[in-house]
């Protein structure tokens, strides 16, 4: 039978049972829209979480000073371990798998401009810090450079919210602020970025000056943190062990004492986050699948009824030479046409919902739903499976009907 005739016959049958047909197609439509919306939310949540974490930096590890909890080589417990700049360069020299390492001075200082004052975490850093921490300047300003460090310049880079609090609508670049009563020239302001975690203060409220200037102004080479990035994320665990070995030799503590220095390695989070979101998206897809499966049961039901109502037609076709696979193909095609109509409507409704929810108030935390290509592909695969399952038994039954019984 030509495809056009099959389609015509299908719509004639659907028209005869309008309510039943509408409910069946509605079930597929609702299931498809639900599946798309759930997967879109899962994808948006994943992307937002990754974006939030990138505010801290890509695959970085941060070393904190701690206290010993294991007696070692004549030293008791409770001894404070303090970092110097030389510790950072020692790690860089002795651990080949470290890609980048930098020390960081940090102190809470008052930054003022005119009669406006703010207490801010001021960091003494090296130029590579911006690449590690994903800090970028707004147009019209610049980041710290090697010349600033060599000449110990009194220049400062401001977080965007700190700049707004001090200067309002005024352009800060080129203006002078006071840090601990010392004048500093503003050379740039940070581009706004999403950051949901911090180890001292969010970057938008911080200020950054050359490490050499900070050391000279504060009269110390003791630093607060050491930051590094591995050459490859898979090396993160090996590098952590080497860091403890290297610093334990210098500061004379037990390498197994994980409280002597504390390492916050975001590479662990990245590994966890990928596994977590595979699980979340798999769970959401499973919910959508079961919702869609309910619609598939409705399709299977209507196809069983169609087979029963068209037994005479099936008998005539079989008696004039139609093969069993042709009968199966006919009912499979009709099943997929019904599912296709519901799926097309479901895709459209799902897309409308995704677009309508782009500006939800909490998207900075859970993200906005995102209709990624993989969402459409997964929905298509699930629909194909549901269509095959819904059409198999009715089509199989139709192809196995006895010709004489059908004619009778």
Protein backbone atom coordinates (compact mmCIF):
# COMPACT_ATOMS: atom_id res chain seq x y z
CA UNK A 1 0.00 0.00 0.00
CA UNK A 2 1.43 3.44 -0.92
CA UNK A 3 2.58 5.60 1.99
CA UNK A 4 0.09 8.34 1.07
CA UNK A 5 -2.77 5.86 1.34
CA UNK A 6 -1.46 4.62 4.70
CA UNK A 7 -1.35 8.17 6.05
CA UNK A 8 -4.83 8.90 4.76
CA UNK A 9 -6.16 5.70 6.34
CA UNK A 10 -4.46 6.58 9.64
CA UNK A 11 -6.04 10.05 9.83
CA UNK A 12 -9.42 8.58 8.95
CA UNK A 13 -9.12 6.13 11.85
CA UNK A 14 -7.94 8.84 14.23
CA UNK A 15 -10.84 11.07 13.21
CA UNK A 16 -13.32 8.29 14.00
CA UNK A 17 -12.06 8.11 17.59
CA UNK A 18 -11.24 11.76 18.28
CA UNK A 19 -11.17 11.73 22.06
CA UNK A 20 -9.13 8.54 22.24
CA UNK A 21 -6.75 9.85 19.58
CA UNK A 22 -6.38 13.22 21.31
CA UNK A 23 -5.58 11.65 24.68
CA UNK A 24 -3.04 9.31 23.09
CA UNK A 25 -1.24 12.09 21.21
CA UNK A 26 -1.48 14.35 24.27
CA UNK A 27 0.28 11.69 26.36
CA UNK A 28 3.19 11.57 23.92
CA UNK A 29 3.25 15.36 23.65
CA UNK A 30 3.33 15.85 27.43
CA UNK A 31 5.93 13.15 27.93
CA UNK A 32 8.19 14.66 25.25
CA UNK A 33 7.86 18.18 26.68
CA UNK A 34 8.58 16.88 30.20
CA UNK A 35 11.64 14.95 29.03
CA UNK A 36 13.04 17.96 27.16
CA UNK A 37 12.39 20.35 30.05
CA UNK A 38 14.00 18.04 32.64
CA UNK A 39 17.08 17.45 30.49
CA UNK A 40 17.32 21.16 29.68
CA UNK A 41 17.26 22.02 33.41
CA UNK A 42 19.89 19.37 34.12
CA UNK A 43 22.14 20.76 31.38
CA UNK A 44 21.61 24.35 32.54
CA UNK A 45 22.38 23.42 36.16
CA UNK A 46 25.58 21.66 35.08
CA UNK A 47 26.75 24.58 32.93
CA UNK A 48 25.96 27.12 35.67
CA UNK A 49 27.87 25.11 38.27
CA UNK A 50 30.88 24.86 35.97
CA UNK A 51 30.66 28.60 35.27
CA UNK A 52 30.50 29.38 38.98
CA UNK A 53 33.53 27.21 39.67
CA UNK A 54 35.47 28.85 36.86
CA UNK A 55 35.22 32.07 38.84
CA UNK A 56 37.75 30.54 41.22
CA UNK A 57 40.00 29.36 38.42
CA UNK A 58 40.49 26.37 36.15
CA UNK A 59 41.84 23.24 37.86
CA UNK A 60 43.77 25.11 40.55
CA UNK A 61 45.05 23.98 43.93
CA UNK A 62 45.49 26.35 46.89
CA UNK A 63 47.86 25.69 49.79
CA UNK A 64 47.01 26.99 53.26
CA UNK A 65 49.23 27.20 56.30
CA UNK A 66 48.33 24.82 59.10
CA UNK A 67 49.65 23.31 62.33
CA UNK A 68 51.36 20.00 62.88
CA UNK A 69 49.39 17.19 64.52
CA UNK A 70 52.14 14.54 64.46
CA UNK A 71 55.39 14.79 66.44
CA UNK A 72 58.38 14.61 64.10
CA UNK A 73 62.17 14.75 64.38
CA UNK A 74 62.15 16.20 67.87
CA UNK A 75 59.39 18.73 67.18
CA UNK A 76 56.11 18.50 69.06
CA UNK A 77 52.57 18.93 67.79
CA UNK A 78 50.80 22.27 67.28
CA UNK A 79 53.73 23.94 65.51
CA UNK A 80 52.66 26.62 63.01
CA UNK A 81 53.87 26.12 59.43
CA UNK A 82 54.41 29.46 57.69
CA UNK A 83 55.04 29.92 54.00
CA UNK A 84 57.63 32.16 52.38
CA UNK A 85 57.90 33.11 48.73
CA UNK A 86 60.82 30.70 48.39
CA UNK A 87 58.44 27.79 49.11
CA UNK A 88 56.53 28.50 45.91
CA UNK A 89 59.69 28.59 43.81
CA UNK A 90 60.92 25.40 45.50
CA UNK A 91 57.76 23.58 44.39
CA UNK A 92 58.16 24.92 40.87
CA UNK A 93 61.78 23.73 40.76
CA UNK A 94 61.31 20.25 42.23
CA UNK A 95 57.92 19.10 40.90
CA UNK A 96 58.03 18.79 37.13
CA UNK A 97 54.31 18.04 36.83
CA UNK A 98 53.32 21.48 38.11
CA UNK A 99 52.42 23.74 35.21
CA UNK A 100 52.21 27.09 37.03
CA UNK A 101 52.84 28.14 40.62
CA UNK A 102 52.64 31.53 42.32
CA UNK A 103 52.79 32.88 45.88
CA UNK A 104 50.10 35.20 47.22
CA UNK A 105 50.30 37.78 49.97
CA UNK A 106 46.93 38.66 51.52
CA UNK A 107 45.97 41.18 54.18
CA UNK A 108 42.76 42.96 55.15
CA UNK A 109 43.52 46.66 54.63
CA UNK A 110 41.51 49.84 54.33
CA UNK A 111 41.22 51.24 50.81
CA UNK A 112 39.94 54.82 50.61
CA UNK A 113 39.12 57.43 48.00
CA UNK A 114 38.12 60.84 49.33
CA UNK A 115 35.65 60.26 52.15
CA UNK A 116 34.75 56.73 50.98
CA UNK A 117 36.45 53.83 52.74
CA UNK A 118 36.23 50.08 52.39
CA UNK A 119 37.98 47.24 54.20
CA UNK A 120 39.24 44.95 51.48
CA UNK A 121 41.46 41.89 51.19
CA UNK A 122 44.48 43.30 49.37
CA UNK A 123 46.54 40.70 47.54
CA UNK A 124 50.21 41.00 46.69
CA UNK A 125 50.53 38.92 43.55
CA UNK A 126 52.50 38.16 40.39
CA UNK A 127 51.16 38.78 36.84
CA UNK A 128 50.47 35.06 36.23
CA UNK A 129 47.82 35.23 38.97
CA UNK A 130 45.22 36.54 36.52
CA UNK A 131 45.54 33.45 34.30
CA UNK A 132 45.27 31.07 37.26
CA UNK A 133 42.28 32.84 38.83
CA UNK A 134 40.49 33.99 35.64
CA UNK A 135 40.71 37.69 36.47
CA UNK A 136 40.43 39.97 33.45
CA UNK A 137 40.44 43.73 33.13
CA UNK A 138 37.72 45.97 31.74
CA UNK A 139 38.38 47.94 28.59
CA UNK A 140 40.46 51.04 29.27
CA UNK A 141 42.54 49.50 32.05
CA UNK A 142 45.29 46.93 32.39
CA UNK A 143 46.52 44.16 34.65
CA UNK A 144 49.78 44.14 36.62
CA UNK A 145 52.96 43.47 34.62
CA UNK A 146 56.59 42.52 35.23
CA UNK A 147 57.71 46.14 35.17
CA UNK A 148 55.39 46.90 38.09
CA UNK A 149 57.13 44.18 40.12
CA UNK A 150 60.68 45.13 39.10
CA UNK A 151 60.20 48.78 40.06
CA UNK A 152 57.91 48.08 43.03
CA UNK A 153 55.36 50.48 41.65
CA UNK A 154 52.48 51.67 43.79
CA UNK A 155 49.77 50.60 41.37
CA UNK A 156 46.53 48.83 42.21
CA UNK A 157 43.93 46.76 40.36
CA UNK A 158 40.40 46.93 41.80
CA UNK A 159 37.56 44.44 41.89
CA UNK A 160 34.51 45.76 40.05
CA UNK A 161 32.25 46.12 43.12
CA UNK A 162 35.03 47.71 45.19
CA UNK A 163 35.52 50.23 42.36
CA UNK A 164 31.78 50.98 42.31
CA UNK A 165 31.70 51.49 46.08
CA UNK A 166 34.64 53.90 45.98
CA UNK A 167 34.07 55.75 42.71
CA UNK A 168 30.39 55.32 41.84
CA UNK A 169 29.95 56.25 38.17
CA UNK A 170 33.37 57.90 37.97
CA UNK A 171 36.10 56.16 35.92
CA UNK A 172 38.69 54.91 38.47
CA UNK A 173 41.57 54.34 36.01
CA UNK A 174 44.31 56.89 36.61
CA UNK A 175 42.88 58.03 39.95
CA UNK A 176 44.67 57.56 43.27
CA UNK A 177 43.43 55.64 46.30
CA UNK A 178 45.02 55.26 49.71
CA UNK A 179 46.01 51.82 50.99
CA UNK A 180 47.18 51.98 54.58
CA UNK A 181 47.66 55.73 54.04
CA UNK A 182 49.94 55.05 51.05
CA UNK A 183 48.84 56.42 47.64
CA UNK A 184 48.32 53.91 44.84
CA UNK A 185 47.35 54.63 41.23
CA UNK A 186 44.43 52.61 39.85
CA UNK A 187 45.51 50.87 36.63
CA UNK A 188 42.45 48.73 35.97
CA UNK A 189 39.11 47.34 37.11
CA UNK A 190 38.07 43.70 36.94
CA UNK A 191 35.45 42.50 34.50
CA UNK A 192 32.37 41.22 36.28
CA UNK A 193 32.40 37.46 36.70
CA UNK A 194 30.30 34.81 38.38
CA UNK A 195 31.96 33.40 41.49
CA UNK A 196 30.12 31.38 44.11
CA UNK A 197 33.11 30.44 46.28
CA UNK A 198 36.16 32.14 47.69
CA UNK A 199 39.00 31.46 50.09
CA UNK A 200 39.23 34.97 51.53
CA UNK A 201 36.84 37.35 49.79
CA UNK A 202 35.15 37.42 46.42
CA UNK A 203 37.37 38.97 43.77
CA UNK A 204 34.87 41.72 43.02
CA UNK A 205 35.52 43.14 46.51
CA UNK A 206 39.28 42.66 46.49
CA UNK A 207 42.26 44.73 45.35
CA UNK A 208 45.58 43.55 43.91
CA UNK A 209 49.04 45.15 44.02
CA UNK A 210 52.51 43.90 42.94
CA UNK A 211 53.94 41.27 45.29
CA UNK A 212 57.22 43.18 45.60
CA UNK A 213 55.37 46.35 46.59
CA UNK A 214 53.31 44.45 49.17
CA UNK A 215 56.42 42.81 50.66
CA UNK A 216 58.25 46.14 50.95
CA UNK A 217 55.24 47.97 52.37
CA UNK A 218 54.46 45.29 54.97
CA UNK A 219 58.13 44.48 55.68
CA UNK A 220 57.81 40.70 55.30
CA UNK A 221 58.29 37.86 52.85
CA UNK A 222 55.80 35.59 54.65
CA UNK A 223 52.95 34.81 52.29
CA UNK A 224 49.40 33.64 52.98
CA UNK A 225 48.83 31.08 50.20
CA UNK A 226 50.50 29.24 47.35
CA UNK A 227 48.54 28.52 44.17
CA UNK A 228 49.45 26.02 41.47
CA UNK A 229 47.94 24.27 38.47
CA UNK A 230 48.88 20.75 37.34
CA UNK A 231 50.20 19.99 33.85
CA UNK A 232 47.23 17.62 33.52
CA UNK A 233 44.22 17.03 35.84
CA UNK A 234 45.03 13.32 36.06
CA UNK A 235 48.30 14.23 37.80
CA UNK A 236 46.60 16.14 40.61
CA UNK A 237 46.77 13.38 43.24
CA UNK A 238 50.41 12.58 42.47
CA UNK A 239 51.33 16.26 42.68
CA UNK A 240 49.64 16.63 46.09
CA UNK A 241 51.77 13.80 47.47
CA UNK A 242 54.91 15.41 46.06
CA UNK A 243 53.95 18.80 47.55
CA UNK A 244 53.76 17.26 51.02
CA UNK A 245 57.10 15.52 50.50
CA UNK A 246 58.90 18.66 49.32
CA UNK A 247 57.51 21.02 51.97
CA UNK A 248 57.88 18.42 54.74
CA UNK A 249 61.62 18.24 54.05
CA UNK A 250 61.98 22.01 54.23
CA UNK A 251 59.69 22.71 57.20
CA UNK A 252 60.53 19.46 59.04
CA UNK A 253 57.15 17.84 59.55
CA UNK A 254 55.81 14.37 58.86
CA UNK A 255 54.78 14.08 55.15
CA UNK A 256 51.71 12.12 56.22
CA UNK A 257 50.56 15.01 58.44
CA UNK A 258 47.79 16.47 56.26
CA UNK A 259 47.03 19.20 58.84
CA UNK A 260 50.49 20.75 58.68
CA UNK A 261 49.48 22.25 55.35
CA UNK A 262 46.02 22.09 53.84
CA UNK A 263 45.50 21.74 50.10
CA UNK A 264 42.20 22.70 48.48
CA UNK A 265 42.44 21.00 45.10
CA UNK A 266 39.59 21.97 42.79
CA UNK A 267 40.57 19.12 40.47
CA UNK A 268 38.84 16.81 42.95
CA UNK A 269 35.68 18.87 42.55
CA UNK A 270 35.85 18.71 38.75
CA UNK A 271 36.09 14.91 38.86
CA UNK A 272 33.17 14.79 41.29
CA UNK A 273 31.06 17.27 39.35
CA UNK A 274 31.20 15.26 36.12
CA UNK A 275 30.13 12.07 37.91
CA UNK A 276 27.44 13.96 39.83
CA UNK A 277 25.86 15.48 36.76
CA UNK A 278 25.97 12.24 34.82
CA UNK A 279 23.91 10.84 37.69
CA UNK A 280 21.56 13.85 37.89
CA UNK A 281 20.93 13.94 34.13
CA UNK A 282 20.50 10.17 34.07
CA UNK A 283 17.92 10.39 36.86
CA UNK A 284 16.05 13.22 35.12
CA UNK A 285 16.13 11.32 31.84
CA UNK A 286 14.72 8.27 33.64
CA UNK A 287 11.82 10.32 35.03
CA UNK A 288 11.14 11.72 31.57
CA UNK A 289 11.39 8.24 30.08
CA UNK A 290 8.75 6.82 32.43
CA UNK A 291 6.51 9.81 31.74
CA UNK A 292 6.91 9.16 28.03
CA UNK A 293 6.40 5.43 28.52
CA UNK A 294 2.91 6.11 29.89
CA UNK A 295 2.12 7.83 26.61
CA UNK A 296 3.64 4.86 24.77
CA UNK A 297 1.23 2.52 26.55
CA UNK A 298 -1.60 4.67 25.25
CA UNK A 299 -0.24 4.38 21.70
CA UNK A 300 0.06 0.60 22.03
CA UNK A 301 -3.52 0.46 23.27
CA UNK A 302 -4.90 2.47 20.38
CA UNK A 303 -2.93 0.35 17.89
CA UNK A 304 -4.38 -2.85 19.35
CA UNK A 305 -7.85 -1.37 18.86
CA UNK A 306 -6.97 -0.35 15.29
CA UNK A 307 -5.79 -3.89 14.53
CA UNK A 308 -9.05 -5.28 15.89
CA UNK A 309 -11.15 -2.85 13.86
CA UNK A 310 -9.25 -3.54 10.63
CA UNK A 311 -9.15 -7.33 10.71
CA UNK A 312 -11.19 -7.59 7.50
CA UNK A 313 -8.77 -5.25 5.69
CA UNK A 314 -5.81 -7.26 6.97
CA UNK A 315 -7.43 -10.50 5.78
CA UNK A 316 -8.09 -9.10 2.30
CA UNK A 317 -4.52 -7.79 1.98
CA UNK A 318 -3.08 -11.11 3.12
CA UNK A 319 -5.35 -13.07 0.74
CA UNK A 320 -4.17 -11.09 -2.30
CA UNK A 321 -0.49 -11.68 -1.50
CA UNK A 322 0.62 -9.15 1.14
CA UNK A 323 3.55 -10.49 3.16
CA UNK A 324 3.67 -10.51 6.94
CA UNK A 325 6.52 -8.01 7.02
CA UNK A 326 4.43 -5.63 4.90
CA UNK A 327 1.58 -5.81 7.41
CA UNK A 328 4.05 -5.23 10.25
CA UNK A 329 5.58 -2.32 8.38
CA UNK A 330 2.18 -0.73 7.88
CA UNK A 331 1.31 -0.75 11.57
CA UNK A 332 4.81 0.27 12.62
CA UNK A 333 4.54 3.25 10.29
CA UNK A 334 1.19 4.24 11.73
CA UNK A 335 2.59 3.93 15.27
CA UNK A 336 5.53 6.19 14.48
CA UNK A 337 3.26 8.70 12.75
CA UNK A 338 1.15 8.99 15.90
CA UNK A 339 4.25 9.34 18.06
CA UNK A 340 5.74 11.78 15.55
CA UNK A 341 2.72 14.08 15.82
CA UNK A 342 2.84 14.05 19.61
CA UNK A 343 6.63 14.44 19.65
CA UNK A 344 6.56 17.42 17.26
CA UNK A 345 4.04 19.18 19.48
CA UNK A 346 6.05 18.19 22.58
CA UNK A 347 9.27 19.54 21.09
CA UNK A 348 7.54 22.84 20.37
CA UNK A 349 6.01 23.13 23.84
CA UNK A 350 9.30 22.13 25.47
CA UNK A 351 11.20 24.76 23.50
CA UNK A 352 8.64 27.44 24.47
CA UNK A 353 9.00 26.52 28.17
CA UNK A 354 12.80 26.54 27.92
CA UNK A 355 12.77 30.02 26.36
CA UNK A 356 10.20 31.31 28.86
CA UNK A 357 12.34 30.22 31.81
CA UNK A 358 15.56 31.91 30.71
CA UNK A 359 15.17 34.75 33.23
CA UNK A 360 14.17 32.82 36.34
CA UNK A 361 15.22 34.73 39.52
CA UNK A 362 17.47 31.94 40.84
CA UNK A 363 19.36 31.19 37.63
CA UNK A 364 22.65 32.37 39.19
CA UNK A 365 22.40 29.31 41.45
CA UNK A 366 20.60 26.62 39.45
CA UNK A 367 21.16 27.99 35.95
CA UNK A 368 18.64 28.53 33.18
CA UNK A 369 17.37 25.55 31.16
CA UNK A 370 19.40 25.07 28.02
CA UNK A 371 18.19 23.24 24.91
CA UNK A 372 21.56 21.65 24.07
CA UNK A 373 21.93 19.35 21.01
CA UNK A 374 22.37 16.33 23.27
CA UNK A 375 18.95 17.07 24.82
CA UNK A 376 17.29 16.72 21.42
CA UNK A 377 19.31 13.60 20.61
CA UNK A 378 18.43 11.88 23.89
CA UNK A 379 14.75 12.77 23.44
CA UNK A 380 14.85 11.38 19.89
CA UNK A 381 16.44 8.10 21.06
CA UNK A 382 13.89 7.70 23.87
CA UNK A 383 11.01 8.43 21.47
CA UNK A 384 12.37 5.88 19.01
CA UNK A 385 12.54 3.23 21.73
CA UNK A 386 9.03 4.03 22.98
CA UNK A 387 7.70 3.95 19.42
CA UNK A 388 9.31 0.59 18.72
CA UNK A 389 8.02 -0.89 21.98
CA UNK A 390 4.51 0.54 21.46
CA UNK A 391 4.24 -0.71 17.88
CA UNK A 392 5.91 -4.10 18.14
CA UNK A 393 3.14 -6.19 19.74
CA UNK A 394 0.21 -4.68 17.75
CA UNK A 395 2.16 -5.00 14.49
CA UNK A 396 3.27 -8.54 15.36
CA UNK A 397 -0.32 -9.53 16.18
CA UNK A 398 -1.61 -8.02 12.95
CA UNK A 399 0.96 -9.91 10.86
CA UNK A 400 0.15 -13.23 12.59
CA UNK A 401 -3.65 -13.09 12.24
CA UNK A 402 -5.22 -16.07 10.48
CA UNK A 403 -6.53 -15.10 7.02
CA UNK A 404 -9.70 -17.21 7.30
CA UNK A 405 -10.53 -15.75 10.75
CA UNK A 406 -10.02 -12.24 9.40
CA UNK A 407 -12.30 -12.84 6.41
CA UNK A 408 -14.94 -14.46 8.61
